N, C-alpha and C. Protein backbone atom coordinates (compact mmCIF):
# COMPACT_ATOMS: atom_id res chain seq x y z
N UNK A 1 -9.24 13.09 -12.94
CA UNK A 1 -8.77 12.03 -14.11
C UNK A 1 -8.13 10.73 -12.75
N UNK A 2 -8.74 9.46 -12.87
CA UNK A 2 -8.19 8.80 -11.51
C UNK A 2 -6.88 8.45 -12.21
N UNK A 3 -5.73 7.94 -11.27
CA UNK A 3 -4.66 7.20 -11.96
C UNK A 3 -4.96 6.18 -12.04
N UNK A 4 -3.91 5.56 -12.96
CA UNK A 4 -3.47 3.96 -12.95
C UNK A 4 -3.64 3.32 -12.01
N UNK A 5 -4.14 2.21 -11.72
CA UNK A 5 -4.03 1.54 -10.45
C UNK A 5 -4.04 -0.08 -11.02
N UNK A 6 -2.41 -0.35 -10.39
CA UNK A 6 -2.40 -1.99 -10.58
C UNK A 6 -2.18 -2.76 -9.55
N UNK A 7 -2.99 -3.90 -9.10
CA UNK A 7 -2.61 -4.49 -7.90
C UNK A 7 -2.21 -6.04 -8.68
N UNK A 8 -0.68 -6.00 -7.57
CA UNK A 8 0.17 -7.50 -7.82
C UNK A 8 -0.32 -8.33 -6.69
N UNK A 9 -1.17 -9.22 -6.90
CA UNK A 9 -1.70 -10.19 -5.44
C UNK A 9 -1.19 -11.74 -6.28
N UNK A 10 -1.82 -12.36 -4.91
CA UNK A 10 -1.99 -13.98 -4.99
C UNK A 10 -3.46 -13.93 -4.72
N UNK A 11 -3.77 -15.89 -5.08
CA UNK A 11 -5.31 -15.70 -4.23
C UNK A 11 -5.82 -16.11 -3.56
N UNK A 12 -4.08 -16.30 -2.40
CA UNK A 12 -4.86 -17.11 -1.28
C UNK A 12 -3.65 -15.73 -0.16
N UNK A 13 -4.03 -14.81 -0.72
CA UNK A 13 -3.34 -13.59 0.83
C UNK A 13 -4.61 -13.36 0.72
N UNK A 14 -4.43 -13.17 2.61
CA UNK A 14 -5.74 -12.29 2.99
C UNK A 14 -5.56 -10.77 2.76
N UNK A 15 -4.28 -10.05 3.00
CA UNK A 15 -4.33 -8.86 2.71
C UNK A 15 -4.63 -8.04 1.12
N UNK A 16 -4.16 -9.11 0.29
CA UNK A 16 -4.83 -8.67 -1.19
C UNK A 16 -6.10 -8.66 -1.11
N UNK A 17 -6.95 -9.93 -0.31
CA UNK A 17 -8.06 -9.67 -0.68
C UNK A 17 -8.82 -8.39 -0.17
N UNK A 18 -8.29 -7.90 0.97
CA UNK A 18 -8.90 -6.29 1.77
C UNK A 18 -8.56 -5.43 0.66
N UNK A 19 -6.93 -5.61 0.12
CA UNK A 19 -6.96 -4.54 -0.67
C UNK A 19 -7.75 -4.21 -1.98
N UNK A 20 -8.43 -4.98 -2.32
CA UNK A 20 -9.40 -5.41 -3.47
C UNK A 20 -10.57 -4.54 -2.42
N UNK A 21 -10.95 -5.46 -1.75
CA UNK A 21 -12.43 -4.42 -1.17
C UNK A 21 -12.35 -2.99 -0.83
N UNK A 22 -11.13 -2.92 -0.42
CA UNK A 22 -11.11 -1.85 -0.05
C UNK A 22 -11.15 -0.49 -1.14
N UNK A 23 -10.50 -1.29 -2.13
CA UNK A 23 -10.79 -0.43 -3.76
C UNK A 23 -12.01 -0.58 -4.45
N UNK A 24 -12.59 -1.70 -4.06
CA UNK A 24 -14.35 -1.50 -4.76
C UNK A 24 -14.92 -1.10 -4.03
N UNK A 25 -14.23 -0.74 -2.52
CA UNK A 25 -15.86 0.03 -1.63
C UNK A 25 -15.31 1.40 -1.90
N UNK A 26 -14.23 1.98 -2.88
CA UNK A 26 -14.35 3.13 -2.99
C UNK A 26 -14.53 3.37 -4.00
N UNK A 27 -14.80 2.61 -5.09
CA UNK A 27 -15.26 3.08 -6.63
C UNK A 27 -13.89 2.46 -7.12
N UNK A 28 -12.96 2.52 -7.27
CA UNK A 28 -11.36 2.64 -7.46
C UNK A 28 -11.46 0.90 -8.14
N UNK A 29 -11.51 1.67 -9.82
CA UNK A 29 -11.07 0.58 -10.97
C UNK A 29 -9.86 0.67 -10.88
N UNK A 30 -9.72 -0.80 -10.91
CA UNK A 30 -7.65 -1.33 -11.24
C UNK A 30 -7.79 -2.64 -12.06
N UNK A 31 -6.63 -2.67 -12.38
CA UNK A 31 -6.12 -4.37 -13.26
C UNK A 31 -5.47 -4.67 -11.79
N UNK A 32 -5.84 -6.50 -12.17
CA UNK A 32 -5.55 -6.90 -11.13
C UNK A 32 -4.60 -8.50 -11.74
N UNK A 33 -3.46 -8.59 -11.10
CA UNK A 33 -2.28 -9.92 -11.83
C UNK A 33 -2.76 -10.22 -10.52
N UNK A 34 -2.46 -11.83 -10.57
CA UNK A 34 -2.43 -12.92 -9.94
C UNK A 34 -0.89 -13.42 -9.91
N UNK A 35 0.04 -12.98 -9.58
CA UNK A 35 1.36 -13.30 -9.60
C UNK A 35 1.38 -14.53 -9.22
N UNK A 36 0.58 -15.47 -8.59
CA UNK A 36 1.13 -16.97 -8.26
C UNK A 36 0.69 -17.74 -9.36
N UNK A 37 0.45 -17.39 -10.23
CA UNK A 37 0.43 -18.36 -11.45
C UNK A 37 0.66 -17.30 -12.91
N UNK A 38 0.86 -15.86 -12.87
CA UNK A 38 1.82 -15.63 -13.95
C UNK A 38 2.75 -14.98 -13.71
N UNK A 39 4.12 -16.14 -14.22
CA UNK A 39 4.88 -15.39 -13.98
C UNK A 39 6.00 -13.99 -14.46
N UNK A 40 5.68 -13.59 -16.17
CA UNK A 40 5.94 -12.28 -16.19
C UNK A 40 5.21 -11.35 -15.30
N UNK A 41 3.85 -11.46 -15.06
CA UNK A 41 3.60 -10.14 -14.06
C UNK A 41 4.50 -10.41 -12.63
N UNK A 42 4.57 -11.49 -11.87
CA UNK A 42 5.43 -11.78 -11.06
C UNK A 42 6.57 -11.07 -11.37
N UNK A 43 7.53 -11.01 -12.58
CA UNK A 43 8.85 -10.49 -12.65
C UNK A 43 8.49 -9.03 -12.48
N UNK A 44 7.44 -8.81 -13.32
CA UNK A 44 7.09 -7.01 -13.44
C UNK A 44 7.03 -6.56 -12.08
N UNK A 45 6.15 -7.64 -11.10
CA UNK A 45 6.26 -6.78 -9.58
C UNK A 45 7.40 -6.81 -8.65
N UNK A 46 8.42 -7.83 -9.50
CA UNK A 46 9.39 -7.67 -8.17
C UNK A 46 10.47 -6.84 -8.85
N UNK A 47 10.59 -6.39 -10.35
CA UNK A 47 11.46 -5.58 -10.55
C UNK A 47 11.06 -3.99 -10.17
N UNK A 48 9.58 -4.07 -10.12
CA UNK A 48 9.23 -2.49 -9.43
C UNK A 48 9.00 -2.60 -7.93
N UNK A 49 9.15 -3.62 -7.84
CA UNK A 49 8.74 -3.40 -5.70
C UNK A 49 10.28 -3.90 -5.20
N UNK A 50 11.25 -4.93 -5.86
CA UNK A 50 12.15 -5.06 -5.27
C UNK A 50 12.30 -6.03 -4.28
N UNK A 51 11.40 -6.97 -4.57
CA UNK A 51 10.84 -7.79 -3.01
C UNK A 51 9.64 -8.79 -3.56
N UNK A 52 9.37 -9.63 -3.19
CA UNK A 52 8.44 -10.78 -3.16
C UNK A 52 7.08 -10.72 -2.39
N UNK A 53 6.90 -9.97 -1.59
CA UNK A 53 5.60 -9.67 -1.23
C UNK A 53 4.52 -9.64 -1.81
N UNK A 54 3.22 -9.54 -1.15
CA UNK A 54 2.27 -9.32 -1.76
C UNK A 54 1.36 -8.76 -0.57
N UNK A 55 0.22 -7.79 -0.86
CA UNK A 55 0.02 -6.69 -2.70
C UNK A 55 1.21 -6.11 -2.71
N UNK A 56 1.31 -6.13 -4.04
CA UNK A 56 1.81 -4.64 -4.45
C UNK A 56 0.97 -3.93 -5.17
N UNK A 57 0.81 -2.21 -4.74
CA UNK A 57 0.04 -1.83 -5.38
C UNK A 57 0.82 -0.64 -6.29
N UNK A 58 0.24 -0.41 -7.93
CA UNK A 58 1.03 0.55 -8.79
C UNK A 58 0.51 1.75 -8.79
N UNK A 59 0.19 2.82 -8.25
CA UNK A 59 -0.84 3.43 -8.47
C UNK A 59 -0.37 4.84 -9.36
N UNK A 60 -0.28 5.01 -10.30
CA UNK A 60 0.25 6.04 -11.13
C UNK A 60 1.81 6.25 -10.99
N UNK A 61 2.40 4.79 -11.14
CA UNK A 61 3.36 4.75 -10.82
C UNK A 61 4.38 4.81 -9.76
N UNK A 62 3.62 5.33 -8.11
CA UNK A 62 4.10 5.25 -7.24
C UNK A 62 3.23 3.48 -6.73
N UNK A 63 4.83 3.23 -6.19
CA UNK A 63 4.78 1.33 -5.63
C UNK A 63 4.33 1.27 -4.40
N UNK A 64 3.39 0.91 -3.59
CA UNK A 64 3.13 0.68 -2.49
C UNK A 64 3.18 -0.78 -1.62
N UNK A 65 4.03 -1.40 -0.49
CA UNK A 65 4.00 -2.63 -1.07
C UNK A 65 3.01 -3.12 0.55
N UNK A 66 2.72 -4.27 0.40
CA UNK A 66 1.62 -4.52 1.76
C UNK A 66 0.23 -3.68 1.72
N UNK A 67 -1.34 -3.78 2.16
CA UNK A 67 -1.95 -3.09 2.44
C UNK A 67 -1.65 -1.66 3.08
N UNK A 68 -1.21 -1.02 2.62
CA UNK A 68 -0.83 0.05 3.71
C UNK A 68 -2.09 1.22 3.39
N UNK A 69 -3.16 1.28 3.95
CA UNK A 69 -4.59 2.32 3.35
C UNK A 69 -4.31 3.56 3.90
N UNK A 70 -3.52 4.25 4.65
CA UNK A 70 -3.36 5.33 4.28
C UNK A 70 -2.53 5.86 3.33
N UNK A 71 -1.28 5.43 3.06
CA UNK A 71 -0.74 5.18 1.38
C UNK A 71 -1.40 6.15 0.57
N UNK A 72 -2.24 4.71 0.40
CA UNK A 72 -3.29 4.11 -0.71
C UNK A 72 -4.11 6.00 -0.80
N UNK A 73 -5.25 5.62 0.23
CA UNK A 73 -5.90 6.45 0.50
C UNK A 73 -5.20 8.28 -0.13
N UNK A 74 -3.82 8.40 0.26
CA UNK A 74 -3.71 9.50 0.41
C UNK A 74 -2.98 9.55 -1.15
N UNK A 75 -2.38 8.57 -2.01
CA UNK A 75 -2.17 8.94 -3.27
C UNK A 75 -3.31 9.15 -4.12
N UNK A 76 -4.63 8.30 -3.51
CA UNK A 76 -5.57 8.55 -4.76
C UNK A 76 -6.51 9.82 -4.19
N UNK A 77 -6.08 10.19 -3.19
CA UNK A 77 -6.90 11.78 -3.10
C UNK A 77 -8.16 11.03 -2.63
N UNK A 78 -8.18 9.87 -1.43
CA UNK A 78 -9.78 10.07 -0.91
C UNK A 78 -9.89 9.65 0.25
């Protein structure tokens, strides 16, 4: 069973787009939150990651900051 994946991003972030393209290319479903427009999700992201930078990926409770392809692959087992 695939771990639940949440992506916290902004519409203007190129690394966020790269992350989503990577997940799409690997057929990984995910929930996406635009923290540029959603204050509640921005607060949630900051509480999880303890910082403001995007993207932040929550994979089954493991927080990965930035587009760290290897850490994401490892956590998803791909």
